[in-house]
Protein backbone atom coordinates (compact mmCIF):
# COMPACT_ATOMS: atom_id res chain seq x y z
CA MET A 1 26.97 15.16 282.30
CA HIS A 2 28.52 13.81 279.20
CA SER A 3 26.64 16.31 277.13
CA SER A 4 28.02 19.20 279.18
CA THR A 5 31.53 17.89 278.75
CA ASP A 6 31.09 17.59 275.06
CA SER A 7 29.70 21.10 274.83
CA ASN A 8 32.66 22.49 276.78
CA SER A 9 35.08 20.79 274.48
CA ASP A 10 33.26 22.19 271.51
CA LEU A 11 33.40 25.67 272.99
CA ASP A 12 37.12 25.31 273.57
CA GLU A 13 37.65 24.37 269.96
CA GLU A 14 35.66 27.43 268.79
CA LEU A 15 37.56 30.05 270.90
CA PRO A 16 39.05 32.78 268.81
CA PHE A 17 42.78 32.59 267.90
CA VAL A 18 44.73 35.71 269.04
CA LEU A 19 48.10 36.91 267.62
CA THR A 20 49.97 39.56 269.60
CA LYS A 21 52.77 41.68 268.06
CA ARG A 22 55.59 42.50 270.49
CA PRO A 23 56.81 46.11 270.27
CA HIS A 24 60.44 46.87 269.38
CA PRO A 25 62.12 48.49 271.18
CA PRO A 26 60.32 47.70 274.44
CA VAL A 27 57.89 50.33 275.59
CA LYS A 28 57.90 52.01 278.97
CA PRO A 29 55.78 50.37 281.67
CA SER A 30 53.46 53.35 281.82
CA ALA A 31 52.68 53.21 278.09
CA PRO A 32 49.92 50.91 276.91
CA CYS A 33 50.95 47.83 274.98
CA ALA A 34 50.32 47.91 271.25
CA ALA A 35 48.67 44.75 269.94
CA MET A 36 46.85 43.52 266.89
CA ILE A 37 44.05 41.02 267.34
CA ILE A 38 43.04 38.73 264.50
CA SER A 39 39.95 36.77 265.25
CA SER A 40 38.71 33.69 263.51
CA ASP A 41 35.50 33.57 265.49
CA SER A 42 32.70 32.22 263.47
CA ASP A 43 30.09 33.02 266.08
CA ASP A 44 28.37 36.21 264.97
CA ASP A 45 26.51 36.58 268.24
CA ALA A 46 29.63 36.73 270.51
CA PRO A 47 30.60 40.31 271.29
CA TYR A 48 34.10 41.51 270.32
CA VAL A 49 36.29 42.63 273.21
CA PRO A 50 39.46 44.58 272.32
CA LEU A 51 42.76 43.47 273.75
CA ALA A 52 43.30 46.78 275.54
CA LEU A 53 40.07 46.31 277.49
CA ARG A 54 41.06 42.76 278.30
CA LEU A 55 44.41 43.95 279.66
CA GLN A 56 42.65 46.62 281.73
CA GLN A 57 40.26 44.03 283.14
CA LYS A 58 43.21 41.75 283.92
CA GLN A 59 45.08 44.47 285.74
CA ASN A 60 41.97 45.42 287.70
CA ASN A 61 41.51 41.80 288.75
CA THR A 62 45.16 41.38 289.77
CA GLY A 63 45.37 44.74 291.60
CA GLY A 64 48.02 46.23 289.19
CA GLU A 65 48.24 49.70 287.76
CA ARG A 66 45.05 50.88 286.19
CA ILE A 67 44.99 51.92 282.57
CA SER A 68 42.54 54.62 281.59
CA PRO A 69 39.99 54.01 278.81
CA GLN A 70 41.32 57.02 276.98
CA SER A 71 44.82 55.46 276.75
CA CYS A 72 43.36 52.24 275.47
CA THR A 73 41.35 54.11 272.87
CA GLU A 74 44.47 55.95 271.68
CA THR A 75 46.34 52.64 271.48
CA VAL A 76 43.63 51.09 269.37
CA HIS A 77 43.51 54.13 267.13
CA LEU A 78 47.34 53.97 266.63
CA LEU A 79 47.10 50.28 265.77
CA GLN A 80 44.40 51.02 263.21
CA GLN A 81 46.50 53.74 261.59
CA ASN A 82 49.53 51.45 261.39
CA GLY A 83 47.44 48.77 259.91
CA ASN A 84 46.03 51.09 257.29
CA GLY A 85 49.57 52.37 256.32
CA SER A 86 48.83 56.05 256.83
CA GLU A 87 51.27 57.92 259.19
CA GLY A 88 54.20 56.49 261.16
CA PRO A 89 56.41 53.57 260.29
CA GLY A 90 55.29 50.99 257.78
CA ALA A 91 54.49 47.37 258.34
CA GLY A 92 58.12 46.39 258.49
CA GLY A 93 59.15 49.21 260.95
CA ARG A 94 60.89 51.25 258.17
CA ALA A 95 60.51 54.99 257.52
CA PRO A 96 58.55 56.05 254.45
CA LYS A 97 60.55 56.89 251.32
CA ARG A 98 61.50 60.57 250.77
CA THR A 99 60.65 62.46 247.64
CA VAL A 100 63.22 63.74 245.15
CA GLY A 101 62.77 67.31 246.36
CA GLU A 102 63.41 66.32 249.97
CA ILE A 103 66.56 64.40 248.98
CA GLN A 104 67.83 67.36 246.93
CA LYS A 105 67.08 69.74 249.78
CA SER A 106 68.93 67.46 252.22
CA LYS A 107 71.97 67.33 249.91
CA GLU A 108 71.98 71.10 249.55
CA GLU A 109 71.80 71.52 253.33
CA ALA A 110 74.69 69.09 253.82
CA LEU A 111 76.71 70.88 251.14
CA ARG A 112 75.98 74.23 252.78
CA ARG A 113 77.15 72.96 256.16
CA LYS A 114 80.28 71.54 254.57
CA GLN A 115 81.03 74.83 252.85
CA ALA A 116 80.46 76.71 256.12
CA ARG A 117 82.91 74.38 257.90
CA GLU A 118 85.48 74.82 255.14
CA GLU A 119 85.02 78.61 255.19
CA LYS A 120 85.45 78.69 258.94
CA GLN A 121 88.57 76.54 258.62
CA ARG A 122 89.98 78.89 256.00
CA GLU A 123 89.27 81.88 258.21
CA LYS A 124 91.08 80.22 261.09
CA GLU A 125 94.02 79.45 258.79
CA VAL A 126 94.15 83.05 257.56
CA GLN A 127 94.02 84.34 261.12
CA ARG A 128 96.78 81.97 262.15
CA MET A 129 98.97 82.99 259.22
CA GLY A 130 98.25 86.67 259.96
CA LYS A 131 99.31 86.23 263.57
CA GLU A 132 102.47 84.42 262.51
CA GLU A 133 103.26 87.15 259.98
CA GLU A 134 102.65 89.84 262.61
CA LYS A 135 104.95 88.03 265.02
CA ALA A 136 107.60 87.76 262.30
CA GLN A 137 107.31 91.47 261.54
CA LYS A 138 107.60 92.38 265.21
CA ARG A 139 110.60 90.09 265.54
CA ALA A 140 112.23 91.65 262.46
CA MET A 141 111.53 95.16 263.77
CA ALA A 142 113.03 94.23 267.13
CA GLU A 143 116.13 92.83 265.43
CA ALA A 144 116.42 95.92 263.22
CA THR A 145 116.09 98.20 266.24
CA LYS A 146 118.67 96.17 268.11
CA ALA A 147 120.98 96.32 265.10
CA LEU A 148 120.96 100.15 265.27
CA ARG A 149 122.22 100.31 268.83
CA PRO A 150 125.75 101.67 269.24
CA GLU A 151 126.98 98.45 270.83
CA GLU A 152 125.55 96.26 268.06
CA CYS A 153 125.62 98.33 264.86
CA VAL A 154 129.32 97.77 264.08
CA LYS A 155 128.73 94.02 263.78
CA TYR A 156 126.48 94.61 260.75
CA MET A 157 128.96 96.81 258.88
CA VAL A 158 131.10 95.65 255.96
CA ALA A 159 134.13 97.80 255.09
CA VAL A 160 134.92 97.50 251.36
CA VAL A 161 138.61 98.24 250.73
CA ASP A 162 140.17 98.87 247.32
CA PRO A 163 143.08 96.47 246.56
CA ALA A 164 145.33 99.44 245.71
CA LEU A 165 145.35 100.46 249.39
CA LEU A 166 146.54 97.03 250.48
CA GLN A 167 149.60 97.34 248.26
CA LEU A 168 150.79 100.32 250.27
CA GLU A 169 152.67 100.18 253.54
CA GLY A 170 149.64 100.52 255.81
CA GLY A 171 147.26 98.06 254.11
CA GLY A 172 147.78 95.17 256.54
CA ALA A 173 147.37 97.39 259.60
CA LEU A 174 144.15 98.77 258.13
CA LEU A 175 142.55 95.32 257.83
CA SER A 176 143.71 94.34 261.32
CA SER A 177 142.25 97.51 262.83
CA LEU A 178 138.86 96.99 261.12
CA GLN A 179 138.66 93.37 262.23
CA ALA A 180 139.56 94.37 265.79
CA LEU A 181 136.70 96.87 265.71
CA GLY A 182 134.24 94.03 265.01
CA CYS A 183 133.13 94.76 261.44
CA SER A 184 133.60 92.57 258.38
CA CYS A 185 136.04 93.41 255.58
CA ALA A 186 135.70 92.90 251.84
CA ILE A 187 138.45 93.49 249.26
CA GLU A 188 136.87 94.64 245.99
CA LYS A 189 137.84 96.85 243.09
CA GLN A 190 136.23 100.24 243.70
CA PRO A 191 135.04 102.71 241.05
CA LEU A 192 136.94 105.41 242.97
CA PRO A 193 140.67 104.54 243.18
CA ARG A 194 142.27 103.95 246.61
CA SER A 195 138.98 104.32 248.43
CA VAL A 196 137.12 102.73 251.33
CA SER A 197 133.33 102.41 251.29
CA TRP A 198 130.80 100.68 253.56
CA ARG A 199 127.83 98.38 253.31
CA ARG A 200 125.27 97.59 256.01
CA ARG A 201 123.95 94.06 256.32
CA THR A 202 120.33 93.41 257.19
CA PRO A 203 119.83 91.70 260.58
CA GLY A 204 118.78 88.44 258.90
CA ALA A 205 121.84 88.18 256.62
CA GLN A 206 124.45 85.72 257.82
CA SER A 207 127.38 86.65 255.57
CA ALA A 208 128.97 89.73 254.03
CA ASP A 209 127.57 88.72 250.62
CA GLY A 210 123.97 88.67 251.90
CA ASP A 211 121.32 91.34 251.61
CA CYS A 212 123.23 94.61 252.14
CA GLU A 213 122.47 98.29 251.87
CA GLN A 214 125.15 100.47 250.30
CA GLU A 215 126.17 103.48 252.37
CA LYS A 216 126.82 106.78 250.61
CA HIS A 217 130.01 107.68 252.48
CA VAL A 218 133.37 106.97 250.81
CA VAL A 219 136.92 107.99 251.78
CA ILE A 220 139.52 108.45 249.04
CA GLN A 221 143.23 108.39 249.83
CA ILE A 222 145.01 110.79 247.48
CA THR A 223 148.81 110.84 247.22
CA VAL A 224 150.85 113.95 247.96
CA ASP A 225 152.08 114.12 244.34
CA ASP A 226 148.55 114.13 242.92
CA PHE A 227 147.33 116.63 245.49
CA ILE A 228 150.23 119.07 244.87
CA ASN A 229 149.88 118.86 241.10
CA LEU A 230 146.11 119.45 241.22
CA SER A 231 146.53 122.31 243.69
CA HIS A 232 149.30 123.86 241.53
CA SER A 233 146.99 123.79 238.52
CA TYR A 234 144.38 125.67 240.53
CA VAL A 235 146.94 128.28 241.64
CA GLN A 236 148.14 128.80 238.06
CA GLU A 237 144.56 129.13 236.84
CA GLU A 238 143.82 131.74 239.49
CA ARG A 239 146.94 133.70 238.68
CA THR A 240 146.67 133.66 234.89
CA GLY A 241 142.89 133.45 234.57
CA ARG A 242 143.20 130.73 231.93
CA THR A 243 141.61 127.27 232.05
CA GLU A 244 144.32 125.59 229.95
CA CYS A 245 146.51 124.94 232.98
CA GLY A 246 145.21 121.39 233.38
CA ARG A 247 142.83 119.60 235.70
CA THR A 248 142.55 121.30 239.07
CA LEU A 249 141.64 119.84 242.44
CA THR A 250 138.12 121.26 242.25
CA SER A 251 137.48 120.10 238.68
CA TRP A 252 138.68 116.58 239.50
CA ILE A 253 136.31 116.30 242.47
CA GLN A 254 133.43 117.70 240.43
CA GLU A 255 134.08 115.07 237.78
CA GLN A 256 133.95 112.31 240.39
CA GLN A 257 130.71 113.71 241.80
CA ARG A 258 129.12 113.71 238.34
CA ARG A 259 130.10 110.09 237.84
CA HIS A 260 128.92 109.03 241.29
CA PRO A 261 126.12 111.40 242.38
CA GLN A 262 124.97 109.08 245.17
CA LYS A 263 128.34 109.16 246.96
CA ASP A 264 129.42 111.47 249.77
CA ILE A 265 133.16 111.88 249.11
CA SER A 266 135.88 112.90 251.53
CA LEU A 267 139.66 113.05 250.88
CA VAL A 268 142.65 112.02 252.96
CA VAL A 269 146.22 113.22 252.22
CA ILE A 270 149.09 111.47 254.03
CA GLY A 271 152.51 113.07 254.48
CA LEU A 272 151.89 116.65 253.33
CA GLU A 273 154.05 117.99 256.18
CA GLN A 274 157.02 116.14 254.75
CA TYR A 275 156.52 118.01 251.49
CA PHE A 276 156.57 121.38 253.29
CA ARG A 277 159.65 120.40 255.30
CA SER A 278 161.43 119.33 252.11
CA ASN A 279 160.55 122.64 250.42
CA LYS A 280 161.83 124.53 253.46
CA ALA A 281 165.11 122.61 253.40
CA GLN A 282 165.55 123.30 249.69
CA SER A 283 164.86 126.99 250.21
CA GLN A 284 167.39 127.19 253.03
CA LYS A 285 169.96 125.38 250.92
CA LYS A 286 169.43 127.77 248.01
CA LEU A 287 169.70 130.72 250.34
CA ARG A 288 172.92 129.33 251.81
CA GLU A 289 174.40 128.76 248.36
CA ALA A 290 173.44 132.28 247.29
CA VAL A 291 175.12 133.77 250.39
CA VAL A 292 178.31 131.75 250.06
CA GLY A 293 178.39 132.34 246.32
CA GLU A 294 179.21 128.82 245.35
CA ASP A 295 179.16 128.14 241.64
CA GLN A 296 180.08 124.75 240.24
CA GLY A 297 179.94 125.65 236.56
CA GLY A 298 177.47 125.26 233.74
CA ALA A 299 177.66 121.48 233.62
CA LYS A 300 176.57 121.14 237.21
CA ARG A 301 173.74 123.63 236.74
CA LYS A 302 172.47 121.64 233.76
CA LYS A 303 172.61 118.48 235.86
CA LYS A 304 170.55 120.12 238.62
CA LYS A 305 168.09 121.39 236.07
CA ALA A 306 167.66 117.90 234.63
CA GLY A 307 167.16 116.46 238.10
CA ALA A 308 164.60 119.12 238.98
CA GLU A 309 162.37 118.26 236.03
CA GLY A 310 160.84 115.31 237.93
CA ALA A 311 160.41 117.25 241.19
CA LEU A 312 157.09 118.57 242.48
CA PRO A 313 156.17 122.21 241.98
CA GLU A 314 156.73 124.42 244.98
CA LEU A 315 153.61 125.60 246.79
CA SER A 316 153.34 127.50 250.01
CA ARG A 317 150.95 126.70 252.82
CA VAL A 318 148.84 129.70 251.91
CA GLU A 319 148.44 128.52 248.32
CA VAL A 320 147.48 125.04 249.46
CA GLU A 321 144.92 126.48 251.89
CA GLU A 322 143.42 128.59 249.09
CA ALA A 323 142.96 125.50 246.95
CA VAL A 324 141.42 123.57 249.85
CA VAL A 325 139.01 126.39 250.78
CA HIS A 326 137.89 126.77 247.16
CA LEU A 327 137.28 123.03 247.00
CA GLN A 328 135.16 123.01 250.17
CA LEU A 329 133.10 126.05 249.15
CA THR A 330 132.49 124.74 245.63
CA THR A 331 131.91 121.03 246.17
CA GLY A 332 131.40 120.62 249.94
CA VAL A 333 134.14 117.95 250.11
CA CYS A 334 136.32 117.86 253.22
CA ILE A 335 140.05 117.05 253.21
CA HIS A 336 141.85 115.48 256.15
CA PHE A 337 145.64 115.89 256.35
CA LEU A 338 147.36 113.06 258.21
CA SER A 339 151.01 112.60 259.02
CA ALA A 340 151.39 108.78 258.84
CA TRP A 341 149.59 105.58 257.84
CA LYS A 342 148.87 104.83 261.47
CA ASP A 343 146.73 107.96 261.59
CA PHE A 344 144.97 106.86 258.40
CA THR A 345 144.08 103.52 260.01
CA GLU A 346 142.64 105.30 263.05
CA HIS A 347 140.73 107.69 260.79
CA ILE A 348 139.10 104.80 258.87
CA THR A 349 138.24 103.12 262.17
CA ARG A 350 136.54 106.24 263.49
CA ALA A 351 134.73 106.75 260.18
CA THR A 352 133.46 103.15 260.27
CA LYS A 353 132.06 103.64 263.75
CA ALA A 354 130.49 106.98 262.79
CA VAL A 355 128.81 105.51 259.69
CA ALA A 356 127.50 102.59 261.75
CA GLU A 357 125.98 104.84 264.44
CA ALA A 358 124.56 107.45 262.04
CA PRO A 359 121.02 105.92 261.74
CA PHE A 360 120.72 105.58 265.52
CA LYS A 361 121.71 109.21 266.06
CA ARG A 362 119.33 110.46 263.37
CA GLU A 363 116.47 108.50 264.94
CA ARG A 364 117.36 109.84 268.36
CA ASP A 365 117.38 113.43 267.12
CA ASN A 366 114.02 113.02 265.37
CA ASN A 367 112.23 111.85 268.52
CA GLY A 368 110.80 114.81 270.40
CA PHE A 369 112.28 118.25 270.79
CA SER A 370 116.02 118.56 271.02
CA PHE A 371 115.78 121.24 273.71
CA TYR A 372 113.39 119.31 275.94
CA LEU A 373 115.06 117.89 279.03
CA GLU A 374 113.61 115.24 281.31
CA SER A 375 114.35 117.14 284.51
CA LYS A 376 112.47 118.75 287.34
CA TRP A 377 112.47 122.28 285.96
CA ALA A 378 111.48 121.27 282.41
CA GLY A 379 109.34 118.22 283.12
CA GLY A 380 106.11 120.16 283.64
CA HIS A 381 103.87 120.47 286.67
CA LYS A 382 100.67 118.71 287.59
CA VAL A 383 97.49 120.82 287.65
CA ASP A 384 94.32 119.54 289.33
CA ARG A 385 90.70 120.36 288.45
CA THR A 386 90.54 123.26 290.86
CA GLY A 387 93.42 125.02 289.08
CA LYS A 388 96.01 124.36 291.74
CA GLY A 389 99.44 124.32 290.14
CA LEU A 390 98.81 126.88 287.37
CA LEU A 391 101.07 129.41 289.08
CA GLN A 392 103.95 126.90 289.02
CA VAL A 393 103.31 126.23 285.33
CA TRP A 394 103.53 129.96 284.60
CA ARG A 395 106.76 130.16 286.57
CA LEU A 396 108.27 127.23 284.66
CA GLN A 397 107.21 128.79 281.37
CA ILE A 398 109.15 131.95 282.19
CA GLN A 399 112.11 129.93 283.46
CA GLN A 400 112.41 128.07 280.13
CA LEU A 401 114.09 131.16 278.67
CA ASN A 402 117.85 131.17 278.59
CA ARG A 403 119.67 132.64 281.62
CA VAL A 404 116.47 133.07 283.63
CA SER A 405 116.87 131.98 287.24
CA ALA A 406 114.19 131.14 289.78
CA ASP A 407 114.59 134.54 291.42
CA MET A 408 113.90 136.33 288.12
CA ALA A 409 110.84 134.18 287.46
CA ASN A 410 109.50 134.81 290.98
CA ALA A 411 109.96 138.56 290.53
CA VAL A 412 107.89 138.53 287.32
CA LEU A 413 105.26 136.34 289.01
CA ALA A 414 104.97 138.80 291.86
CA ALA A 415 104.10 141.60 289.42
CA TYR A 416 101.99 139.54 286.97
CA PRO A 417 100.63 136.32 288.53
CA SER A 418 99.13 135.07 285.26
CA PRO A 419 99.85 135.31 281.50
CA HIS A 420 96.50 137.02 280.99
CA LEU A 421 97.47 139.94 283.24
CA LEU A 422 100.79 140.33 281.45
CA THR A 423 99.05 140.28 278.05
CA GLN A 424 96.64 142.98 279.19
CA ALA A 425 99.57 145.10 280.34
CA TYR A 426 101.21 144.75 276.90
CA ARG A 427 97.96 145.78 275.21
CA SER A 428 97.76 148.92 277.32
CA CYS A 429 101.21 150.07 276.15
CA GLN A 430 101.20 152.80 273.51
CA THR A 431 104.40 151.96 271.59
CA GLU A 432 106.63 148.98 270.98
CA ARG A 433 109.36 150.61 273.04
CA ASP A 434 107.04 150.68 276.05
CA LYS A 435 106.26 146.98 275.56
CA MET A 436 109.95 146.06 275.39
CA ALA A 437 110.71 148.01 278.60
CA LEU A 438 107.61 146.99 280.55
CA LEU A 439 109.42 144.51 282.84
CA SER A 440 112.81 146.22 282.97
CA ASP A 441 112.38 147.93 286.34
CA ILE A 442 110.90 145.00 288.28
CA PRO A 443 113.17 144.43 291.34
CA ILE A 444 114.78 141.04 291.97
CA ARG A 445 115.62 140.30 295.59
CA ARG A 446 118.25 137.73 296.50
CA GLY A 447 118.94 136.46 299.98
CA GLU A 448 117.63 137.69 303.29
CA GLY A 449 118.76 140.07 305.98
CA VAL A 450 122.03 141.95 305.72
CA THR A 451 123.34 139.85 302.83
CA SER A 452 120.30 140.46 300.63
CA THR A 453 120.76 142.19 297.27
CA VAL A 454 118.39 143.90 294.90
CA ARG A 455 118.71 144.19 291.13
CA ARG A 456 116.42 144.83 288.18
CA VAL A 457 115.09 142.38 285.61
CA GLY A 458 116.80 144.36 282.89
CA PRO A 459 115.95 145.16 279.27
CA GLU A 460 117.20 141.86 277.81
CA LEU A 461 114.81 139.61 279.72
CA SER A 462 112.00 142.16 279.32
CA LYS A 463 112.50 142.11 275.56
CA ARG A 464 112.50 138.30 275.34
CA LEU A 465 109.35 138.01 277.40
CA CYS A 466 107.68 140.64 275.22
CA VAL A 467 108.57 138.65 272.07
CA LEU A 468 107.36 135.44 273.72
CA MET A 469 103.97 136.88 274.68
CA THR A 470 103.20 139.18 271.74
CA ALA A 471 104.85 137.66 268.62
CA THR A 472 102.48 136.37 265.90
CA ASP A 473 105.11 135.12 263.43
CA PRO A 474 106.05 131.47 264.17
CA GLU A 475 109.44 131.95 262.46
CA GLN A 476 110.42 134.94 264.58
CA THR A 477 113.37 134.46 266.94
CA PHE A 478 114.19 136.16 270.23
CA GLY A 479 117.13 137.97 268.71
CA SER A 480 115.17 139.50 265.84
């Protein structure tokens, strides 16, 4: 009994010592536990039992989940590989070191991704800036379009007035009238004396000194004395045929046009009627003196002669009109004759408004055809796929001609329901005279019953339709 106890104690001392490595992180319950068994068994005859088989036997004994032998074999094989240091993490759970090529490749990949992100960011920034620029352009175009409207365009005009005009009697009224109109005023020395010119501010400019566009129109106020002297020189030149008579009205304007070729000049003369009335009074006085026969002696005649040296030369209305017509035909400059400074102020106000609205009117005239009217008779007619509505289109085409009523168009349609039939009829004519008179005798019926009337189409409409349907020259007109 004692011997058996001693042998058991000896067996207990000789049991193998087992070290188990706990996995990190914890494994799933279904996975087999990884373990490393180190045995210090000195008994060569005792068989070696792996830990996985022991765990399987333990689970079978306790009724737990059964682990297949294949899973245990795979677990043992994994433990052997980890112990040998082949694949997978090392002994300390760390990843194996990468080679220099792998590190370089990883850096290049990271740099490529960074460059791709930066490129994408730049593209987004460019797109954002492009959208902002497009919005700014649309906003500027909308403001420019709004600035051309008749109710807004005067606000962007700057009337530049020469200081010499303000020294005359109507200078203050001129500035007041322009300010009441709604435009800005600027007092500057002008290259053309006693003139008014205009500048147009851009919609973004906040002051009269901002970004402005110079207009070509300019109005020059010429005194009666200068106008009469220049016109008298022209009359003397025409009568004598010599050019030594001095500077004429036409030569003076031509000189100004050579100096300022970009300007569109117009003239204003104030008080010319007073000059004609004064000449008429002097003529009547001379006639009265000649009839009465008054003579005050040589001294008085010399005094009158001395006083007449500073007077203006006498010109008739016909002579003045000849000078004005020659000026307009030669230079294209218009002259406006006004009676008082109040009229001059109104003229400058109207000119300011006309210059302000000129771009809007030009743009309106350039859009579409000037003769096209948005109305029922000129708005066209809808034609479906079956051809329904073509007869109405043909009727409207005939009715587009001047002085062609619906009755006339219906009469032509009754004889020739389509343009093709009318063209064939023109081709069958022998002479041009027959073509022109083809539609002349077509009857036109108006009204019904007793009040109905009948008339012919006539040669005029027949001729115009013939030109419309047979002409090959795009520049040919109906009256040719």
